């Protein structure tokens, strides 16, 4: 839809590049492999080199000019630091007549690690873990990640001599495209005062050593690291959670469901508020379904806030599903699915979970101790 071959050359969105354009690409995130395959087919013989950075190995017959470097998610590691170094190397090799396609999707924040001095990798890992545990809005998390990294907030594009086009698959609802994957090729879209305010509201939630807190505070307040919006890179939002919702609604209607109107909760809405909305909606839809003698379906796109005491086995989706399962007890005929649009729920190997009015009682019967799993944030074990 966004990449086309024409007689005059290569089209990216509404921009056309000459047929002799030397094309390079970096695909990073949970959708990296799919995006990379599309770019390879589009670029053809003009592909100079490419780098794919996924969170897990991808079996495919990759062409020799394309390197695959598996990095770490949801927290960065030395593999993520190595991936960032390779990304910098490729981007800096793009000449004045070249085109760099940056294919960014959810997860890129952890997959690319380039700590901004005086931070080191271990400190960046600790910051990431504390941000994840804090339950802060993912957009706030990525705003702060940009301050502590050399590659985020447009850092990757800084050394490119040619043109940069960024193609984004977003797993969060935001108009600020630089927050998807922390925007390695897009400049930060907020002023330093806003950034300092976000840091001051988030810092008390983070259990960081005093010396590390001081380093972070200095980086956030440094004029040297203040946002600079002088880059002219173009970005295209190829897909978002609303895209997924529209497709899901279409499939459901074809299957005979009546779709109920829903409002998406704002980011940062608490898990308890989301559970209450879901259960109230389930009660209403059940009554309507009986009256109309037809199955009803409600679909939401949202990411509720969840502050955790430890990083257990699971994620927001399985935790939400288990909370809803408890509230659905006795409400026959209702099923609830909570799944991540990127197919990965937190630290688990699942996309999420599906529960019914019998799930909680069945778990108790099987001695799974769902209350303990919730308290330990191990909901995926259910």
Protein backbone atom coordinates (compact mmCIF):
# COMPACT_ATOMS: atom_id res chain seq x y z
CA UNK A 1 0.00 0.00 0.00
CA UNK A 2 2.82 2.44 0.79
CA UNK A 3 5.65 1.08 -1.40
CA UNK A 4 5.26 1.00 -5.19
CA UNK A 5 7.48 0.47 -8.23
CA UNK A 6 6.88 2.87 -11.12
CA UNK A 7 8.52 3.52 -14.47
CA UNK A 8 10.01 6.66 -13.02
CA UNK A 9 11.43 4.87 -9.99
CA UNK A 10 10.45 3.98 -6.45
CA UNK A 11 7.42 5.46 -4.72
CA UNK A 12 7.25 5.76 -0.92
CA UNK A 13 3.89 7.21 0.03
CA UNK A 14 3.51 10.24 -2.24
CA UNK A 15 7.26 10.68 -2.85
CA UNK A 16 9.06 9.21 -5.87
CA UNK A 17 12.79 8.39 -5.95
CA UNK A 18 14.80 7.84 -9.17
CA UNK A 19 15.16 4.29 -10.45
CA UNK A 20 18.91 4.39 -9.76
CA UNK A 21 18.42 5.20 -6.06
CA UNK A 22 20.59 3.10 -3.79
CA UNK A 23 18.29 1.68 -1.15
CA UNK A 24 19.17 0.51 2.34
CA UNK A 25 16.88 -0.45 5.17
CA UNK A 26 16.79 -1.12 8.89
CA UNK A 27 13.79 -3.06 10.20
CA UNK A 28 13.50 -3.13 13.97
CA UNK A 29 10.68 -4.34 16.21
CA UNK A 30 8.22 -7.18 16.56
CA UNK A 31 7.07 -6.70 12.96
CA UNK A 32 10.63 -6.35 11.63
CA UNK A 33 10.71 -9.57 9.60
CA UNK A 34 7.41 -8.92 7.81
CA UNK A 35 8.38 -5.34 7.01
CA UNK A 36 11.84 -6.40 5.82
CA UNK A 37 10.45 -9.00 3.42
CA UNK A 38 8.19 -6.38 1.83
CA UNK A 39 11.07 -3.93 1.39
CA UNK A 40 13.32 -6.61 -0.14
CA UNK A 41 10.68 -7.49 -2.74
CA UNK A 42 10.08 -3.79 -3.51
CA UNK A 43 13.72 -2.69 -3.77
CA UNK A 44 14.86 -5.53 -6.00
CA UNK A 45 18.34 -5.05 -7.49
CA UNK A 46 18.66 -1.57 -6.00
CA UNK A 47 18.90 -2.96 -2.49
CA UNK A 48 22.40 -2.20 -1.20
CA UNK A 49 22.13 -3.63 2.29
CA UNK A 50 19.65 -4.24 5.06
CA UNK A 51 19.53 -5.01 8.77
CA UNK A 52 16.70 -6.89 10.47
CA UNK A 53 16.46 -6.64 14.27
CA UNK A 54 13.68 -8.91 15.61
CA UNK A 55 13.11 -10.13 19.19
CA UNK A 56 13.38 -13.78 18.13
CA UNK A 57 15.04 -15.79 15.32
CA UNK A 58 13.23 -15.75 11.95
CA UNK A 59 13.73 -18.64 9.54
CA UNK A 60 13.76 -17.35 5.97
CA UNK A 61 16.01 -17.37 2.93
CA UNK A 62 17.46 -13.90 3.53
CA UNK A 63 19.52 -12.44 0.64
CA UNK A 64 23.28 -12.09 1.27
CA UNK A 65 23.13 -8.29 1.54
CA UNK A 66 20.71 -8.52 4.49
CA UNK A 67 21.92 -9.23 8.02
CA UNK A 68 19.67 -10.48 10.82
CA UNK A 69 20.59 -9.60 14.39
CA UNK A 70 18.30 -10.92 17.13
CA UNK A 71 18.16 -8.54 20.11
CA UNK A 72 16.39 -8.53 23.48
CA UNK A 73 12.87 -7.60 24.57
CA UNK A 74 11.25 -6.35 26.82
CA UNK A 75 14.48 -5.30 28.53
CA UNK A 76 17.67 -4.52 26.56
CA UNK A 77 20.85 -6.57 26.76
CA UNK A 78 24.30 -6.65 25.20
CA UNK A 79 22.58 -8.01 22.06
CA UNK A 80 20.53 -4.81 21.93
CA UNK A 81 23.68 -2.73 22.31
CA UNK A 82 25.32 -4.68 19.49
CA UNK A 83 22.21 -4.20 17.33
CA UNK A 84 22.38 -0.44 17.87
CA UNK A 85 26.04 -0.39 16.83
CA UNK A 86 25.21 -2.28 13.63
CA UNK A 87 22.31 0.10 12.93
CA UNK A 88 24.57 3.13 13.33
CA UNK A 89 27.15 1.55 11.02
CA UNK A 90 24.58 0.91 8.28
CA UNK A 91 22.93 4.33 8.55
CA UNK A 92 26.25 6.17 8.38
CA UNK A 93 27.12 4.29 5.18
CA UNK A 94 24.10 5.74 3.32
CA UNK A 95 25.46 8.30 0.87
CA UNK A 96 23.96 11.60 -0.35
CA UNK A 97 22.19 9.85 -3.24
CA UNK A 98 20.96 6.99 -1.09
CA UNK A 99 17.67 6.24 0.63
CA UNK A 100 17.36 4.68 4.07
CA UNK A 101 14.06 3.02 4.89
CA UNK A 102 13.56 2.70 8.63
CA UNK A 103 10.86 0.13 9.35
CA UNK A 104 9.91 0.59 12.99
CA UNK A 105 7.40 -1.35 15.08
CA UNK A 106 6.64 -1.94 18.74
CA UNK A 107 9.53 -3.32 20.77
CA UNK A 108 12.22 -1.29 19.02
CA UNK A 109 12.90 0.66 22.23
CA UNK A 110 14.37 -2.42 23.95
CA UNK A 111 15.89 -3.95 20.80
CA UNK A 112 18.15 -0.90 20.25
CA UNK A 113 20.34 0.10 23.19
CA UNK A 114 22.87 2.92 23.01
CA UNK A 115 23.19 4.41 26.52
CA UNK A 116 23.82 8.13 26.58
CA UNK A 117 26.96 8.87 28.64
CA UNK A 118 27.47 8.81 31.54
CA UNK A 119 24.99 5.90 31.61
CA UNK A 120 26.16 2.36 30.89
CA UNK A 121 24.18 -0.63 29.65
CA UNK A 122 23.55 -2.10 33.09
CA UNK A 123 22.11 1.21 34.26
CA UNK A 124 19.93 1.48 31.18
CA UNK A 125 18.61 -2.04 31.84
CA UNK A 126 17.77 -1.08 35.43
CA UNK A 127 15.99 2.09 34.29
CA UNK A 128 13.94 0.06 31.78
CA UNK A 129 12.94 -2.51 34.40
CA UNK A 130 11.85 0.20 36.82
CA UNK A 131 9.84 1.98 34.14
CA UNK A 132 8.12 -1.30 33.26
CA UNK A 133 7.30 -1.98 36.90
CA UNK A 134 6.04 1.56 37.51
CA UNK A 135 3.00 1.13 35.26
CA UNK A 136 3.47 4.53 33.63
CA UNK A 137 1.88 5.26 30.29
CA UNK A 138 4.01 3.73 27.49
CA UNK A 139 4.20 7.15 25.85
CA UNK A 140 5.72 8.69 28.97
CA UNK A 141 8.08 5.73 29.21
CA UNK A 142 9.35 6.32 25.69
CA UNK A 143 9.69 10.07 26.21
CA UNK A 144 12.07 9.30 29.08
CA UNK A 145 13.86 6.54 27.20
CA UNK A 146 14.72 9.10 24.52
CA UNK A 147 16.58 11.19 27.09
CA UNK A 148 18.79 8.32 28.17
CA UNK A 149 19.77 7.04 24.71
CA UNK A 150 21.98 8.11 21.82
CA UNK A 151 19.89 6.25 19.23
CA UNK A 152 16.34 7.17 20.22
CA UNK A 153 14.57 10.45 19.44
CA UNK A 154 16.15 10.75 15.99
CA UNK A 155 19.64 9.67 17.01
CA UNK A 156 19.88 6.94 14.37
CA UNK A 157 19.15 9.35 11.51
CA UNK A 158 21.70 11.92 12.63
CA UNK A 159 24.56 10.45 10.59
CA UNK A 160 22.64 9.73 7.38
CA UNK A 161 23.78 11.77 4.37
CA UNK A 162 20.87 10.73 2.15
CA UNK A 163 17.12 10.70 2.61
CA UNK A 164 15.34 8.83 5.42
CA UNK A 165 11.81 7.43 5.16
CA UNK A 166 10.27 5.88 8.26
CA UNK A 167 7.49 3.28 7.92
CA UNK A 168 5.72 2.62 11.21
CA UNK A 169 3.60 -0.24 12.52
CA UNK A 170 2.29 1.14 15.80
CA UNK A 171 1.07 -0.93 18.74
CA UNK A 172 0.04 2.16 20.72
CA UNK A 173 -2.50 4.91 20.09
CA UNK A 174 -0.63 8.19 19.63
CA UNK A 175 -0.33 11.06 17.19
CA UNK A 176 3.35 11.46 18.12
CA UNK A 177 5.05 9.01 15.79
CA UNK A 178 8.43 9.63 17.42
CA UNK A 179 7.15 7.63 20.41
CA UNK A 180 6.75 4.38 18.43
CA UNK A 181 9.84 2.37 19.33
CA UNK A 182 11.10 5.65 20.89
CA UNK A 183 11.59 7.11 17.41
CA UNK A 184 15.14 6.17 16.36
CA UNK A 185 14.81 8.16 13.12
CA UNK A 186 12.32 10.85 14.17
CA UNK A 187 13.12 13.99 16.19
CA UNK A 188 11.48 14.46 19.58
CA UNK A 189 8.21 16.37 19.33
CA UNK A 190 8.06 18.07 22.74
CA UNK A 191 9.98 20.82 24.49
CA UNK A 192 12.38 20.38 27.37
CA UNK A 193 9.92 21.80 29.88
CA UNK A 194 7.42 19.04 29.07
CA UNK A 195 10.13 16.41 29.36
CA UNK A 196 11.29 17.68 32.75
CA UNK A 197 7.69 17.67 33.99
CA UNK A 198 7.24 14.03 32.91
CA UNK A 199 10.48 13.07 34.65
CA UNK A 200 9.52 14.83 37.88
CA UNK A 201 6.17 13.02 38.00
CA UNK A 202 7.68 9.61 37.15
CA UNK A 203 10.93 9.67 39.14
CA UNK A 204 9.26 9.00 42.55
CA UNK A 205 7.85 5.73 41.14
CA UNK A 206 11.32 4.42 40.25
CA UNK A 207 13.48 2.59 42.76
CA UNK A 208 16.84 3.77 41.42
CA UNK A 209 20.12 4.12 43.35
CA UNK A 210 20.79 7.78 44.30
CA UNK A 211 23.80 8.09 41.98
CA UNK A 212 21.79 6.77 39.04
CA UNK A 213 18.88 9.08 39.86
CA UNK A 214 21.32 12.01 39.75
CA UNK A 215 22.70 10.93 36.36
CA UNK A 216 19.17 10.67 34.94
CA UNK A 217 18.18 14.03 36.36
CA UNK A 218 21.23 15.69 34.83
CA UNK A 219 20.53 14.16 31.41
CA UNK A 220 16.89 15.25 31.44
CA UNK A 221 17.81 18.82 32.38
CA UNK A 222 20.83 19.16 30.09
CA UNK A 223 20.45 21.82 27.37
CA UNK A 224 22.82 19.74 25.25
CA UNK A 225 20.25 16.92 25.09
CA UNK A 226 17.23 19.17 24.52
CA UNK A 227 15.04 18.22 21.50
CA UNK A 228 16.19 19.54 18.14
CA UNK A 229 13.55 19.52 15.41
CA UNK A 230 15.79 20.31 12.45
CA UNK A 231 15.56 16.92 10.73
CA UNK A 232 13.51 16.57 7.55
CA UNK A 233 12.73 12.87 7.68
CA UNK A 234 9.34 11.68 6.44
CA UNK A 235 7.22 9.20 8.38
CA UNK A 236 4.22 7.09 7.38
CA UNK A 237 1.92 5.35 9.85
CA UNK A 238 1.17 2.11 8.00
CA UNK A 239 -0.97 0.46 10.68
CA UNK A 240 -2.18 1.12 14.21
CA UNK A 241 -4.42 -0.56 16.80
CA UNK A 242 -7.40 1.12 15.13
CA UNK A 243 -6.47 -0.71 11.91
CA UNK A 244 -6.62 -3.99 13.79
CA UNK A 245 -9.93 -3.06 15.41
CA UNK A 246 -11.51 -2.25 12.05
CA UNK A 247 -10.41 -5.59 10.60
CA UNK A 248 -11.65 -7.48 13.69
CA UNK A 249 -15.03 -5.77 13.46
CA UNK A 250 -15.35 -6.66 9.78
CA UNK A 251 -14.52 -10.32 10.42
CA UNK A 252 -16.93 -10.48 13.36
CA UNK A 253 -19.78 -8.99 11.34
CA UNK A 254 -19.17 -11.52 8.57
CA UNK A 255 -19.46 -14.22 11.25
CA UNK A 256 -22.86 -12.98 12.37
CA UNK A 257 -21.97 -10.80 15.38
CA UNK A 258 -23.62 -7.48 16.10
CA UNK A 259 -20.90 -4.99 17.06
CA UNK A 260 -21.64 -2.81 20.07
CA UNK A 261 -20.25 0.75 20.09
CA UNK A 262 -17.39 1.28 22.55
CA UNK A 263 -15.20 4.14 23.63
CA UNK A 264 -11.47 3.64 23.98
CA UNK A 265 -10.09 4.45 27.42
CA UNK A 266 -7.38 7.06 27.60
CA UNK A 267 -3.86 5.82 28.20
CA UNK A 268 -3.07 5.50 31.87
CA UNK A 269 -6.59 4.31 32.79
CA UNK A 270 -6.24 1.95 35.75
CA UNK A 271 -6.70 -1.79 35.39
CA UNK A 272 -9.63 -1.72 37.86
CA UNK A 273 -11.46 0.93 35.82
CA UNK A 274 -11.02 -1.13 32.65
CA UNK A 275 -12.28 -4.29 34.38
CA UNK A 276 -15.36 -2.42 35.61
CA UNK A 277 -16.13 -1.13 32.10
CA UNK A 278 -15.75 -4.61 30.60
CA UNK A 279 -18.00 -6.31 33.16
CA UNK A 280 -20.69 -3.62 32.90
CA UNK A 281 -20.60 -3.90 29.10
CA UNK A 282 -20.77 -7.70 29.30
CA UNK A 283 -23.93 -7.50 31.43
CA UNK A 284 -25.58 -5.09 29.01
CA UNK A 285 -24.59 -7.06 25.92
CA UNK A 286 -25.83 -10.29 27.42
CA UNK A 287 -29.27 -8.76 27.92
CA UNK A 288 -29.28 -7.34 24.37
CA UNK A 289 -28.10 -10.64 22.94
CA UNK A 290 -30.98 -12.51 24.56
CA UNK A 291 -33.51 -9.92 23.36
CA UNK A 292 -32.18 -9.90 19.79
CA UNK A 293 -31.39 -13.63 19.68
CA UNK A 294 -28.03 -12.81 18.13
CA UNK A 295 -24.45 -12.86 19.41
CA UNK A 296 -23.05 -9.49 20.52
CA UNK A 297 -19.45 -8.32 20.51
CA UNK A 298 -17.63 -5.35 22.03
CA UNK A 299 -14.08 -4.51 20.93
CA UNK A 300 -11.77 -2.06 22.69
CA UNK A 301 -8.31 -0.75 21.88
CA UNK A 302 -6.59 0.24 25.10
CA UNK A 303 -3.54 -0.28 27.29
CA UNK A 304 -4.49 -0.04 30.98
CA UNK A 305 -1.95 1.06 33.56
CA UNK A 306 -0.56 -1.67 35.81
CA UNK A 307 2.06 -1.04 38.44
CA UNK A 308 3.86 -4.23 39.48
CA UNK A 309 6.11 -5.18 42.39
CA UNK A 310 8.03 -7.70 40.31
CA UNK A 311 8.39 -8.66 36.65
CA UNK A 312 6.66 -12.04 36.69
CA UNK A 313 5.53 -14.41 33.95
CA UNK A 314 2.84 -12.62 32.01
CA UNK A 315 1.74 -9.21 30.86
CA UNK A 316 -1.13 -6.72 30.88
CA UNK A 317 -3.35 -8.95 28.75
CA UNK A 318 -3.21 -12.14 30.80
CA UNK A 319 -3.46 -10.12 34.02
CA UNK A 320 -6.54 -8.28 32.73
CA UNK A 321 -8.13 -11.53 31.52
CA UNK A 322 -7.67 -13.16 34.91
CA UNK A 323 -9.16 -10.15 36.72
CA UNK A 324 -12.15 -10.24 34.36
CA UNK A 325 -12.52 -14.01 34.84
CA UNK A 326 -13.00 -13.43 38.57
CA UNK A 327 -15.76 -10.89 37.92
CA UNK A 328 -17.48 -13.06 35.29
CA UNK A 329 -18.18 -15.95 37.68
CA UNK A 330 -21.79 -16.99 37.27
CA UNK A 331 -22.32 -14.83 34.16
CA UNK A 332 -22.91 -17.67 31.70
CA UNK A 333 -22.65 -17.14 27.99
CA UNK A 334 -19.88 -14.53 28.19
CA UNK A 335 -16.34 -14.94 26.86
CA UNK A 336 -13.55 -12.37 27.09
CA UNK A 337 -10.34 -12.19 25.04
CA UNK A 338 -7.44 -9.88 25.84
CA UNK A 339 -4.57 -9.98 23.38
CA UNK A 340 -1.58 -7.90 22.33
CA UNK A 341 -1.75 -6.42 18.85
CA UNK A 342 1.88 -7.43 18.34
CA UNK A 343 1.28 -11.05 19.36
CA UNK A 344 3.41 -10.88 22.52
CA UNK A 345 2.09 -10.28 26.02
CA UNK A 346 4.79 -8.99 28.35
CA UNK A 347 7.30 -11.63 29.35
CA UNK A 348 5.12 -14.57 28.31
CA UNK A 349 5.19 -16.69 25.17
CA UNK A 350 1.51 -15.96 24.55
CA UNK A 351 -0.38 -13.16 22.84
CA UNK A 352 -2.77 -12.92 25.78
CA UNK A 353 -5.59 -15.02 27.23
CA UNK A 354 -9.22 -16.02 26.71
CA UNK A 355 -11.53 -16.61 29.69
CA UNK A 356 -15.17 -17.37 30.43
CA UNK A 357 -17.48 -17.40 33.43
CA UNK A 358 -16.14 -20.85 34.36
CA UNK A 359 -12.42 -20.08 34.12
CA UNK A 360 -11.83 -18.79 37.67
CA UNK A 361 -13.70 -21.66 39.36
CA UNK A 362 -11.95 -24.22 37.17
CA UNK A 363 -8.58 -22.73 38.10
CA UNK A 364 -9.43 -23.01 41.79
CA UNK A 365 -10.51 -26.63 41.29
CA UNK A 366 -7.17 -27.37 39.64
CA UNK A 367 -5.30 -25.77 42.56
CA UNK A 368 -3.85 -23.05 40.31
CA UNK A 369 -4.41 -20.43 43.04
CA UNK A 370 -5.42 -17.56 40.74
CA UNK A 371 -5.31 -15.01 43.59
CA UNK A 372 -1.64 -15.78 44.19
CA UNK A 373 -0.87 -15.67 40.47
CA UNK A 374 -2.39 -12.19 40.30
CA UNK A 375 -0.49 -10.97 43.35
CA UNK A 376 2.79 -12.33 41.97
CA UNK A 377 2.09 -11.04 38.43
CA UNK A 378 2.41 -14.59 37.08
CA UNK A 379 -0.96 -14.60 35.29
CA UNK A 380 0.42 -16.39 32.21
CA UNK A 381 0.86 -19.51 34.38
CA UNK A 382 -2.94 -19.74 34.69
